[in-house]
Amino acid sequence: MVPYIFLLVPLPITFFILIYPALVSFYISLTRYDGLHPPRWAGLDNYSRFFSDPQMVVDMVNTLIWVALGVILPFLVGMAIAILADGKRFEGLFKTIVFLPFGLSGVVVGIMWIFVYDPDNGIFNIILRSIGLDFLVRAWLGEPFINTFAMIGAYIWINSGFSLVITSAGLRSIPQDITDAAVVDGLSGWQRFRNVTFPLLTPFVAVIISMNILNALKVFDIIYVMTGGGPFRSSETLAVGVFFEAFSVRSFGYGSAISVILFAIVLVVSVLYIKYSYKRIVRY
């Protein structure tokens, strides 16, 4: 009986903060609602509109790009830094510097990187000019498609620190005896990483990848601050599309439908990856 008593507080909070808003959002997705007049029942019209909307194709492609690069690159950068710095002099200071951006909000980082990518005085273009690559100088946030990759660069700068910390924790969990045995057996550095270190890091890799997937699917703040989804909604993702449809166009029904679809995508991807990761963890 006692355990259930402790649930009296968190369960109502969870319901009103998470479950109730989700149910309301799903209901609104089945209506036409502008926030001013009462909702009118529309059935599945908003979902049908999603699958025939050309802009949603752009949003989906951009979201897939964010997931592909925003998951793999921060993971690889963070893991590489953790392994290369492991046991080296000033390891703690170096890792702290790399991790610091992770503590900043996406809004702050977005504003910082707007100045980095400034066409005239941005440090990025200044570096390109200084090394003779003037032909690469451009308005990085003003050109469709290119601006998505520019923003992902800022995203990598933030999130590599998370992968660094988790990987470092994983490296500390590997018994020294196993590493020493691999060295005695004559394994090269790459062979030790491939056959010993990485398999033992599998549970930690699962955490990094799963969190990166969730964050990449719902990234909003950096995109909204740096480009607002523009120009002409070319850098918009599904998460930014929800905001645009609901609060710019005041089509709350359609915006809610997009949010429900995004939630379904996140749920399916998360479940599939967790099941895949669990099988690998059990195997190792």
C-alpha atoms as a PDB file:
ATOM      1  CA  MET A   1       0.000   0.000   0.000  1.00  0.00           C
ATOM      2  CA  VAL A   2       2.817   2.386   0.879  1.00  0.00           C
ATOM      3  CA  PRO A   3       4.344   2.479  -2.666  1.00  0.00           C
ATOM      4  CA  TYR A   4       0.982   3.525  -4.114  1.00  0.00           C
ATOM      5  CA  ILE A   5       0.735   6.400  -1.633  1.00  0.00           C
ATOM      6  CA  PHE A   6       3.930   7.866  -3.054  1.00  0.00           C
ATOM      7  CA  LEU A   7       2.297   7.841  -6.508  1.00  0.00           C
ATOM      8  CA  LEU A   8      -0.511  10.179  -5.407  1.00  0.00           C
ATOM      9  CA  VAL A   9       1.582  13.254  -6.200  1.00  0.00           C
ATOM     10  CA  PRO A  10       3.589  12.342  -9.354  1.00  0.00           C
ATOM     11  CA  LEU A  11       0.702  10.664 -11.205  1.00  0.00           C
ATOM     12  CA  PRO A  12      -1.613  13.729 -11.289  1.00  0.00           C
ATOM     13  CA  ILE A  13       1.340  15.964 -12.181  1.00  0.00           C
ATOM     14  CA  THR A  14       2.320  13.617 -15.019  1.00  0.00           C
ATOM     15  CA  PHE A  15      -1.266  13.509 -16.254  1.00  0.00           C
ATOM     16  CA  PHE A  16      -1.825  17.282 -16.333  1.00  0.00           C
ATOM     17  CA  ILE A  17       1.634  18.185 -17.662  1.00  0.00           C
ATOM     18  CA  LEU A  18       2.171  15.405 -20.221  1.00  0.00           C
ATOM     19  CA  ILE A  19      -0.861  13.220 -20.924  1.00  0.00           C
ATOM     20  CA  TYR A  20      -3.671  15.805 -20.866  1.00  0.00           C
ATOM     21  CA  PRO A  21      -1.954  18.268 -23.250  1.00  0.00           C
ATOM     22  CA  ALA A  22      -1.162  15.367 -25.613  1.00  0.00           C
ATOM     23  CA  LEU A  23      -4.823  14.304 -25.636  1.00  0.00           C
ATOM     24  CA  VAL A  24      -5.968  17.877 -26.244  1.00  0.00           C
ATOM     25  CA  SER A  25      -3.463  18.241 -29.074  1.00  0.00           C
ATOM     26  CA  PHE A  26      -4.745  15.054 -30.681  1.00  0.00           C
ATOM     27  CA  TYR A  27      -8.331  16.307 -30.421  1.00  0.00           C
ATOM     28  CA  ILE A  28      -7.435  19.670 -31.965  1.00  0.00           C
ATOM     29  CA  SER A  29      -5.660  17.836 -34.810  1.00  0.00           C
ATOM     30  CA  LEU A  30      -9.072  16.481 -35.783  1.00  0.00           C
ATOM     31  CA  THR A  31     -10.596  19.953 -36.032  1.00  0.00           C
ATOM     32  CA  ARG A  32     -10.272  23.281 -37.813  1.00  0.00           C
ATOM     33  CA  TYR A  33      -9.263  25.740 -35.130  1.00  0.00           C
ATOM     34  CA  ASP A  34      -7.795  29.249 -35.410  1.00  0.00           C
ATOM     35  CA  GLY A  35      -7.580  30.003 -31.696  1.00  0.00           C
ATOM     36  CA  LEU A  36     -10.355  32.601 -31.917  1.00  0.00           C
ATOM     37  CA  HIS A  37     -13.455  30.626 -32.843  1.00  0.00           C
ATOM     38  CA  PRO A  38     -14.686  27.287 -31.459  1.00  0.00           C
ATOM     39  CA  PRO A  39     -13.076  24.226 -33.065  1.00  0.00           C
ATOM     40  CA  ARG A  40     -14.990  22.660 -35.959  1.00  0.00           C
ATOM     41  CA  TRP A  41     -14.768  18.932 -36.522  1.00  0.00           C
ATOM     42  CA  ALA A  42     -12.652  18.044 -39.574  1.00  0.00           C
ATOM     43  CA  GLY A  43     -11.936  14.354 -39.060  1.00  0.00           C
ATOM     44  CA  LEU A  44      -8.754  13.259 -40.798  1.00  0.00           C
ATOM     45  CA  ASP A  45      -8.617  16.247 -43.181  1.00  0.00           C
ATOM     46  CA  ASN A  46      -5.527  17.709 -41.499  1.00  0.00           C
ATOM     47  CA  TYR A  47      -3.680  14.409 -41.800  1.00  0.00           C
ATOM     48  CA  SER A  48      -4.727  14.077 -45.428  1.00  0.00           C
ATOM     49  CA  ARG A  49      -3.455  17.598 -46.039  1.00  0.00           C
ATOM     50  CA  PHE A  50      -0.096  16.695 -44.494  1.00  0.00           C
ATOM     51  CA  PHE A  51       0.532  13.904 -46.993  1.00  0.00           C
ATOM     52  CA  SER A  52      -0.369  16.141 -49.948  1.00  0.00           C
ATOM     53  CA  ASP A  53       1.421  19.305 -48.787  1.00  0.00           C
ATOM     54  CA  PRO A  54       4.631  20.005 -50.807  1.00  0.00           C
ATOM     55  CA  GLN A  55       6.054  21.991 -47.897  1.00  0.00           C
ATOM     56  CA  MET A  56       5.868  18.917 -45.681  1.00  0.00           C
ATOM     57  CA  VAL A  57       8.104  17.096 -48.162  1.00  0.00           C
ATOM     58  CA  VAL A  58      10.722  19.813 -47.615  1.00  0.00           C
ATOM     59  CA  ASP A  59      10.210  19.621 -43.849  1.00  0.00           C
ATOM     60  CA  MET A  60      10.554  15.841 -43.864  1.00  0.00           C
ATOM     61  CA  VAL A  61      13.729  15.909 -45.965  1.00  0.00           C
ATOM     62  CA  ASN A  62      15.285  18.531 -43.693  1.00  0.00           C
ATOM     63  CA  THR A  63      14.276  16.511 -40.633  1.00  0.00           C
ATOM     64  CA  LEU A  64      15.916  13.396 -42.074  1.00  0.00           C
ATOM     65  CA  ILE A  65      19.101  15.381 -42.775  1.00  0.00           C
ATOM     66  CA  TRP A  66      19.105  16.619 -39.185  1.00  0.00           C
ATOM     67  CA  VAL A  67      18.602  13.092 -37.867  1.00  0.00           C
ATOM     68  CA  ALA A  68      21.317  11.600 -40.069  1.00  0.00           C
ATOM     69  CA  LEU A  69      23.988  14.222 -39.421  1.00  0.00           C
ATOM     70  CA  GLY A  70      22.817  15.429 -36.013  1.00  0.00           C
ATOM     71  CA  VAL A  71      23.003  11.902 -34.609  1.00  0.00           C
ATOM     72  CA  ILE A  72      26.166  10.493 -36.182  1.00  0.00           C
ATOM     73  CA  LEU A  73      28.514  13.494 -36.297  1.00  0.00           C
ATOM     74  CA  PRO A  74      28.230  14.646 -32.635  1.00  0.00           C
ATOM     75  CA  PHE A  75      28.612  11.002 -31.605  1.00  0.00           C
ATOM     76  CA  LEU A  76      31.748  10.485 -33.713  1.00  0.00           C
ATOM     77  CA  VAL A  77      33.316  13.805 -32.700  1.00  0.00           C
ATOM     78  CA  GLY A  78      32.604  13.280 -29.000  1.00  0.00           C
ATOM     79  CA  MET A  79      33.834   9.681 -29.018  1.00  0.00           C
ATOM     80  CA  ALA A  80      36.999  10.573 -30.959  1.00  0.00           C
ATOM     81  CA  ILE A  81      37.886  13.369 -28.539  1.00  0.00           C
ATOM     82  CA  ALA A  82      37.182  11.159 -25.514  1.00  0.00           C
ATOM     83  CA  ILE A  83      39.424   8.366 -26.797  1.00  0.00           C
ATOM     84  CA  LEU A  84      42.232  10.633 -27.991  1.00  0.00           C
ATOM     85  CA  ALA A  85      42.269  12.655 -24.749  1.00  0.00           C
ATOM     86  CA  ASP A  86      41.933   9.650 -22.439  1.00  0.00           C
ATOM     87  CA  GLY A  87      44.893   9.494 -20.071  1.00  0.00           C
ATOM     88  CA  LYS A  88      46.626  12.498 -21.638  1.00  0.00           C
ATOM     89  CA  ARG A  89      47.983  15.538 -19.837  1.00  0.00           C
ATOM     90  CA  PHE A  90      45.377  18.253 -19.116  1.00  0.00           C
ATOM     91  CA  GLU A  91      42.657  15.749 -20.041  1.00  0.00           C
ATOM     92  CA  GLY A  92      40.177  17.222 -17.563  1.00  0.00           C
ATOM     93  CA  LEU A  93      40.694  20.807 -18.729  1.00  0.00           C
ATOM     94  CA  PHE A  94      40.396  19.875 -22.396  1.00  0.00           C
ATOM     95  CA  LYS A  95      37.210  17.866 -21.867  1.00  0.00           C
ATOM     96  CA  THR A  96      35.716  20.686 -19.802  1.00  0.00           C
ATOM     97  CA  ILE A  97      36.302  23.159 -22.639  1.00  0.00           C
ATOM     98  CA  VAL A  98      34.672  20.785 -25.151  1.00  0.00           C
ATOM     99  CA  PHE A  99      31.712  20.136 -22.832  1.00  0.00           C
ATOM    100  CA  LEU A 100      31.004  23.798 -21.983  1.00  0.00           C
ATOM    101  CA  PRO A 101      28.837  24.538 -25.082  1.00  0.00           C
ATOM    102  CA  PHE A 102      26.446  21.769 -24.015  1.00  0.00           C
ATOM    103  CA  GLY A 103      25.482  23.918 -21.038  1.00  0.00           C
ATOM    104  CA  LEU A 104      24.355  26.799 -23.247  1.00  0.00           C
ATOM    105  CA  SER A 105      20.799  27.213 -24.475  1.00  0.00           C
ATOM    106  CA  GLY A 106      20.035  26.738 -28.146  1.00  0.00           C
ATOM    107  CA  VAL A 107      18.931  30.378 -28.376  1.00  0.00           C
ATOM    108  CA  VAL A 108      22.290  31.662 -27.112  1.00  0.00           C
ATOM    109  CA  VAL A 109      24.211  29.325 -29.426  1.00  0.00           C
ATOM    110  CA  GLY A 110      22.045  30.332 -32.373  1.00  0.00           C
ATOM    111  CA  ILE A 111      22.775  34.021 -31.804  1.00  0.00           C
ATOM    112  CA  MET A 112      26.508  33.307 -31.435  1.00  0.00           C
ATOM    113  CA  TRP A 113      26.667  31.349 -34.677  1.00  0.00           C
ATOM    114  CA  ILE A 114      24.734  34.007 -36.590  1.00  0.00           C
ATOM    115  CA  PHE A 115      27.776  36.194 -36.030  1.00  0.00           C
ATOM    116  CA  VAL A 116      30.102  33.312 -36.949  1.00  0.00           C
ATOM    117  CA  TYR A 117      28.339  32.944 -40.311  1.00  0.00           C
ATOM    118  CA  ASP A 118      27.951  36.686 -40.992  1.00  0.00           C
ATOM    119  CA  PRO A 119      28.653  37.176 -44.739  1.00  0.00           C
ATOM    120  CA  ASP A 120      30.905  40.210 -44.250  1.00  0.00           C
ATOM    121  CA  ASN A 121      32.496  40.044 -40.806  1.00  0.00           C
ATOM    122  CA  GLY A 122      31.821  36.461 -39.699  1.00  0.00           C
ATOM    123  CA  ILE A 123      34.845  34.521 -38.488  1.00  0.00           C
ATOM    124  CA  PHE A 124      34.018  31.622 -40.800  1.00  0.00           C
ATOM    125  CA  ASN A 125      34.245  33.710 -43.971  1.00  0.00           C
ATOM    126  CA  ILE A 126      37.270  35.584 -42.621  1.00  0.00           C
ATOM    127  CA  ILE A 127      39.116  32.263 -42.207  1.00  0.00           C
ATOM    128  CA  LEU A 128      38.165  31.199 -45.736  1.00  0.00           C
ATOM    129  CA  ARG A 129      39.481  34.476 -47.165  1.00  0.00           C
ATOM    130  CA  SER A 130      42.694  34.251 -45.153  1.00  0.00           C
ATOM    131  CA  ILE A 131      43.559  30.821 -46.572  1.00  0.00           C
ATOM    132  CA  GLY A 132      42.741  31.758 -50.156  1.00  0.00           C
ATOM    133  CA  LEU A 133      39.338  30.084 -50.428  1.00  0.00           C
ATOM    134  CA  ASP A 134      37.425  33.228 -51.385  1.00  0.00           C
ATOM    135  CA  PHE A 135      35.296  31.254 -53.847  1.00  0.00           C
ATOM    136  CA  LEU A 136      33.685  29.471 -50.881  1.00  0.00           C
ATOM    137  CA  VAL A 137      32.656  32.686 -49.136  1.00  0.00           C
ATOM    138  CA  ARG A 138      28.892  33.083 -49.101  1.00  0.00           C
ATOM    139  CA  ALA A 139      25.865  33.987 -46.985  1.00  0.00           C
ATOM    140  CA  TRP A 140      25.747  30.636 -45.228  1.00  0.00           C
ATOM    141  CA  LEU A 141      22.387  31.198 -43.584  1.00  0.00           C
ATOM    142  CA  GLY A 142      20.799  32.849 -46.605  1.00  0.00           C
ATOM    143  CA  GLU A 143      21.134  30.096 -49.172  1.00  0.00           C
ATOM    144  CA  PRO A 144      18.558  27.271 -49.224  1.00  0.00           C
ATOM    145  CA  PHE A 145      19.848  23.795 -48.432  1.00  0.00           C
ATOM    146  CA  ILE A 146      23.315  25.097 -47.506  1.00  0.00           C
ATOM    147  CA  ASN A 147      21.885  26.841 -44.443  1.00  0.00           C
ATOM    148  CA  THR A 148      20.706  23.496 -43.057  1.00  0.00           C
ATOM    149  CA  PHE A 149      24.254  22.155 -43.040  1.00  0.00           C
ATOM    150  CA  ALA A 150      25.531  25.427 -41.561  1.00  0.00           C
ATOM    151  CA  MET A 151      23.105  25.118 -38.638  1.00  0.00           C
ATOM    152  CA  ILE A 152      24.042  21.479 -38.144  1.00  0.00           C
ATOM    153  CA  GLY A 153      27.624  22.701 -37.662  1.00  0.00           C
ATOM    154  CA  ALA A 154      26.447  24.772 -34.688  1.00  0.00           C
ATOM    155  CA  TYR A 155      24.431  21.807 -33.431  1.00  0.00           C
ATOM    156  CA  ILE A 156      27.516  19.559 -33.528  1.00  0.00           C
ATOM    157  CA  TRP A 157      29.454  22.168 -31.544  1.00  0.00           C
ATOM    158  CA  ILE A 158      26.822  21.956 -28.799  1.00  0.00           C
ATOM    159  CA  ASN A 159      26.142  18.247 -28.612  1.00  0.00           C
ATOM    160  CA  SER A 160      29.602  16.741 -29.025  1.00  0.00           C
ATOM    161  CA  GLY A 161      30.176  17.437 -25.330  1.00  0.00           C
ATOM    162  CA  PHE A 162      27.360  15.082 -24.363  1.00  0.00           C
ATOM    163  CA  SER A 163      28.874  12.227 -26.365  1.00  0.00           C
ATOM    164  CA  LEU A 164      32.270  13.077 -24.893  1.00  0.00           C
ATOM    165  CA  VAL A 165      31.078  12.763 -21.296  1.00  0.00           C
ATOM    166  CA  ILE A 166      29.146   9.518 -21.814  1.00  0.00           C
ATOM    167  CA  THR A 167      31.998   7.940 -23.776  1.00  0.00           C
ATOM    168  CA  SER A 168      34.497   8.991 -21.097  1.00  0.00           C
ATOM    169  CA  ALA A 169      32.329   7.324 -18.464  1.00  0.00           C
ATOM    170  CA  GLY A 170      32.248   4.187 -20.608  1.00  0.00           C
ATOM    171  CA  LEU A 171      36.033   4.159 -20.977  1.00  0.00           C
ATOM    172  CA  ARG A 172      36.396   4.376 -17.194  1.00  0.00           C
ATOM    173  CA  SER A 173      34.142   1.332 -16.816  1.00  0.00           C
ATOM    174  CA  ILE A 174      36.386  -0.919 -18.945  1.00  0.00           C
ATOM    175  CA  PRO A 175      38.620  -3.057 -16.698  1.00  0.00           C
ATOM    176  CA  GLN A 176      42.298  -2.287 -17.179  1.00  0.00           C
ATOM    177  CA  ASP A 177      43.069  -6.024 -17.230  1.00  0.00           C
ATOM    178  CA  ILE A 178      41.152  -6.429 -20.487  1.00  0.00           C
ATOM    179  CA  THR A 179      43.022  -3.592 -22.140  1.00  0.00           C
ATOM    180  CA  ASP A 180      46.374  -4.901 -20.909  1.00  0.00           C
ATOM    181  CA  ALA A 181      45.549  -8.386 -22.211  1.00  0.00           C
ATOM    182  CA  ALA A 182      44.763  -6.935 -25.633  1.00  0.00           C
ATOM    183  CA  VAL A 183      48.116  -5.136 -25.674  1.00  0.00           C
ATOM    184  CA  VAL A 184      49.946  -8.332 -24.661  1.00  0.00           C
ATOM    185  CA  ASP A 185      48.184 -10.210 -27.467  1.00  0.00           C
ATOM    186  CA  GLY A 186      49.701  -7.744 -29.903  1.00  0.00           C
ATOM    187  CA  LEU A 187      46.543  -5.965 -31.031  1.00  0.00           C
ATOM    188  CA  SER A 188      47.100  -2.611 -32.701  1.00  0.00           C
ATOM    189  CA  GLY A 189      45.303   0.504 -31.534  1.00  0.00           C
ATOM    190  CA  TRP A 190      42.566   0.120 -34.147  1.00  0.00           C
ATOM    191  CA  GLN A 191      42.167  -3.599 -33.406  1.00  0.00           C
ATOM    192  CA  ARG A 192      41.835  -2.884 -29.670  1.00  0.00           C
ATOM    193  CA  PHE A 193      39.176  -0.284 -30.368  1.00  0.00           C
ATOM    194  CA  ARG A 194      37.251  -2.473 -32.816  1.00  0.00           C
ATOM    195  CA  ASN A 195      37.375  -5.780 -30.933  1.00  0.00           C
ATOM    196  CA  VAL A 196      37.622  -4.709 -27.294  1.00  0.00           C
ATOM    197  CA  THR A 197      36.807  -1.078 -26.550  1.00  0.00           C
ATOM    198  CA  PHE A 198      33.815  -0.449 -28.821  1.00  0.00           C
ATOM    199  CA  PRO A 199      31.925  -3.684 -27.939  1.00  0.00           C
ATOM    200  CA  LEU A 200      32.296  -2.838 -24.242  1.00  0.00           C
ATOM    201  CA  LEU A 201      31.014   0.678 -24.930  1.00  0.00           C
ATOM    202  CA  THR A 202      27.810  -0.639 -26.532  1.00  0.00           C
ATOM    203  CA  PRO A 203      25.480   0.276 -23.609  1.00  0.00           C
ATOM    204  CA  PHE A 204      26.904   3.805 -23.541  1.00  0.00           C
ATOM    205  CA  VAL A 205      26.657   4.139 -27.319  1.00  0.00           C
ATOM    206  CA  ALA A 206      22.983   3.137 -27.068  1.00  0.00           C
ATOM    207  CA  VAL A 207      22.358   6.006 -24.643  1.00  0.00           C
ATOM    208  CA  ILE A 208      24.180   8.528 -26.846  1.00  0.00           C
ATOM    209  CA  ILE A 209      22.462   7.503 -30.089  1.00  0.00           C
ATOM    210  CA  SER A 210      18.983   7.307 -28.567  1.00  0.00           C
ATOM    211  CA  MET A 211      19.295  10.771 -26.999  1.00  0.00           C
ATOM    212  CA  ASN A 212      20.769  12.204 -30.195  1.00  0.00           C
ATOM    213  CA  ILE A 213      17.876  10.799 -32.224  1.00  0.00           C
ATOM    214  CA  LEU A 214      15.281  12.370 -29.938  1.00  0.00           C
ATOM    215  CA  ASN A 215      17.069  15.722 -29.858  1.00  0.00           C
ATOM    216  CA  ALA A 216      17.605  15.824 -33.633  1.00  0.00           C
ATOM    217  CA  LEU A 217      13.965  15.000 -34.376  1.00  0.00           C
ATOM    218  CA  LYS A 218      12.643  17.796 -32.187  1.00  0.00           C
ATOM    219  CA  VAL A 219      15.348  20.443 -32.706  1.00  0.00           C
ATOM    220  CA  PHE A 220      13.689  23.841 -32.856  1.00  0.00           C
ATOM    221  CA  ASP A 221      15.469  26.649 -31.026  1.00  0.00           C
ATOM    222  CA  ILE A 222      18.645  26.791 -33.133  1.00  0.00           C
ATOM    223  CA  ILE A 223      16.702  26.735 -36.418  1.00  0.00           C
ATOM    224  CA  TYR A 224      14.166  29.305 -35.294  1.00  0.00           C
ATOM    225  CA  VAL A 225      16.832  31.714 -34.044  1.00  0.00           C
ATOM    226  CA  MET A 226      19.273  31.332 -36.948  1.00  0.00           C
ATOM    227  CA  THR A 227      16.937  31.265 -39.955  1.00  0.00           C
ATOM    228  CA  GLY A 228      13.358  31.078 -38.683  1.00  0.00           C
ATOM    229  CA  GLY A 229      12.931  28.199 -41.121  1.00  0.00           C
ATOM    230  CA  GLY A 230      13.725  30.460 -44.080  1.00  0.00           C
ATOM    231  CA  PRO A 231      14.418  31.710 -46.556  1.00  0.00           C
ATOM    232  CA  PHE A 232      11.010  30.783 -47.954  1.00  0.00           C
ATOM    233  CA  ARG A 233      10.683  27.916 -45.414  1.00  0.00           C
ATOM    234  CA  SER A 234      13.606  26.118 -47.083  1.00  0.00           C
ATOM    235  CA  SER A 235      15.342  25.188 -43.804  1.00  0.00           C
ATOM    236  CA  GLU A 236      12.184  24.293 -41.927  1.00  0.00           C
ATOM    237  CA  THR A 237      11.879  20.936 -40.138  1.00  0.00           C
ATOM    238  CA  LEU A 238       8.737  19.247 -38.853  1.00  0.00           C
ATOM    239  CA  ALA A 239       9.220  20.788 -35.402  1.00  0.00           C
ATOM    240  CA  VAL A 240       9.534  24.286 -36.875  1.00  0.00           C
ATOM    241  CA  GLY A 241       6.607  23.525 -39.204  1.00  0.00           C
ATOM    242  CA  VAL A 242       4.394  22.866 -36.186  1.00  0.00           C
ATOM    243  CA  PHE A 243       5.197  26.327 -34.825  1.00  0.00           C
ATOM    244  CA  PHE A 244       4.724  28.037 -38.201  1.00  0.00           C
ATOM    245  CA  GLU A 245       1.344  26.483 -38.941  1.00  0.00           C
ATOM    246  CA  ALA A 246      -0.007  26.970 -35.426  1.00  0.00           C
ATOM    247  CA  PHE A 247       1.285  30.417 -34.454  1.00  0.00           C
ATOM    248  CA  SER A 248       2.102  32.169 -37.735  1.00  0.00           C
ATOM    249  CA  VAL A 249      -0.787  30.949 -39.893  1.00  0.00           C
ATOM    250  CA  ARG A 250      -3.029  30.262 -36.859  1.00  0.00           C
ATOM    251  CA  SER A 251      -3.970  26.864 -38.228  1.00  0.00           C
ATOM    252  CA  PHE A 252      -3.868  25.094 -34.894  1.00  0.00           C
ATOM    253  CA  GLY A 253      -5.614  22.002 -36.212  1.00  0.00           C
ATOM    254  CA  TYR A 254      -3.030  21.428 -38.941  1.00  0.00           C
ATOM    255  CA  GLY A 255      -0.154  22.305 -36.613  1.00  0.00           C
ATOM    256  CA  SER A 256      -1.440  19.810 -34.070  1.00  0.00           C
ATOM    257  CA  ALA A 257      -1.712  17.132 -36.764  1.00  0.00           C
ATOM    258  CA  ILE A 258       1.950  17.689 -37.678  1.00  0.00           C
ATOM    259  CA  SER A 259       2.903  17.445 -34.002  1.00  0.00           C
ATOM    260  CA  VAL A 260       1.023  14.155 -33.650  1.00  0.00           C
ATOM    261  CA  ILE A 261       2.787  12.746 -36.721  1.00  0.00           C
ATOM    262  CA  LEU A 262       6.145  13.927 -35.346  1.00  0.00           C
ATOM    263  CA  PHE A 263       5.343  12.264 -32.022  1.00  0.00           C
ATOM    264  CA  ALA A 264       4.507   9.022 -33.822  1.00  0.00           C
ATOM    265  CA  ILE A 265       7.811   9.156 -35.738  1.00  0.00           C
ATOM    266  CA  VAL A 266       9.779   9.774 -32.523  1.00  0.00           C
ATOM    267  CA  LEU A 267       7.961   6.930 -30.775  1.00  0.00           C
ATOM    268  CA  VAL A 268       8.509   4.391 -33.566  1.00  0.00           C
ATOM    269  CA  VAL A 269      12.172   5.308 -34.059  1.00  0.00           C
ATOM    270  CA  SER A 270      12.835   5.209 -30.312  1.00  0.00           C
ATOM    271  CA  VAL A 271      11.180   1.820 -29.813  1.00  0.00           C
ATOM    272  CA  LEU A 272      12.966   0.267 -32.778  1.00  0.00           C
ATOM    273  CA  TYR A 273      16.350   1.587 -31.719  1.00  0.00           C
ATOM    274  CA  ILE A 274      15.875   0.573 -28.077  1.00  0.00           C
ATOM    275  CA  LYS A 275      14.973  -2.964 -29.145  1.00  0.00           C
ATOM    276  CA  TYR A 276      17.986  -3.103 -31.462  1.00  0.00           C
ATOM    277  CA  SER A 277      20.300  -1.736 -28.771  1.00  0.00           C
ATOM    278  CA  TYR A 278      18.953  -4.161 -26.168  1.00  0.00           C
ATOM    279  CA  LYS A 279      19.753  -7.133 -28.418  1.00  0.00           C
ATOM    280  CA  ARG A 280      23.312  -5.881 -28.926  1.00  0.00           C
ATOM    281  CA  ILE A 281      23.800  -5.250 -25.209  1.00  0.00           C
ATOM    282  CA  VAL A 282      22.555  -8.734 -24.322  1.00  0.00           C
ATOM    283  CA  ARG A 283      24.799 -10.255 -26.979  1.00  0.00           C
ATOM    284  CA  TYR A 284      27.868  -8.552 -25.554  1.00  0.00           C
END
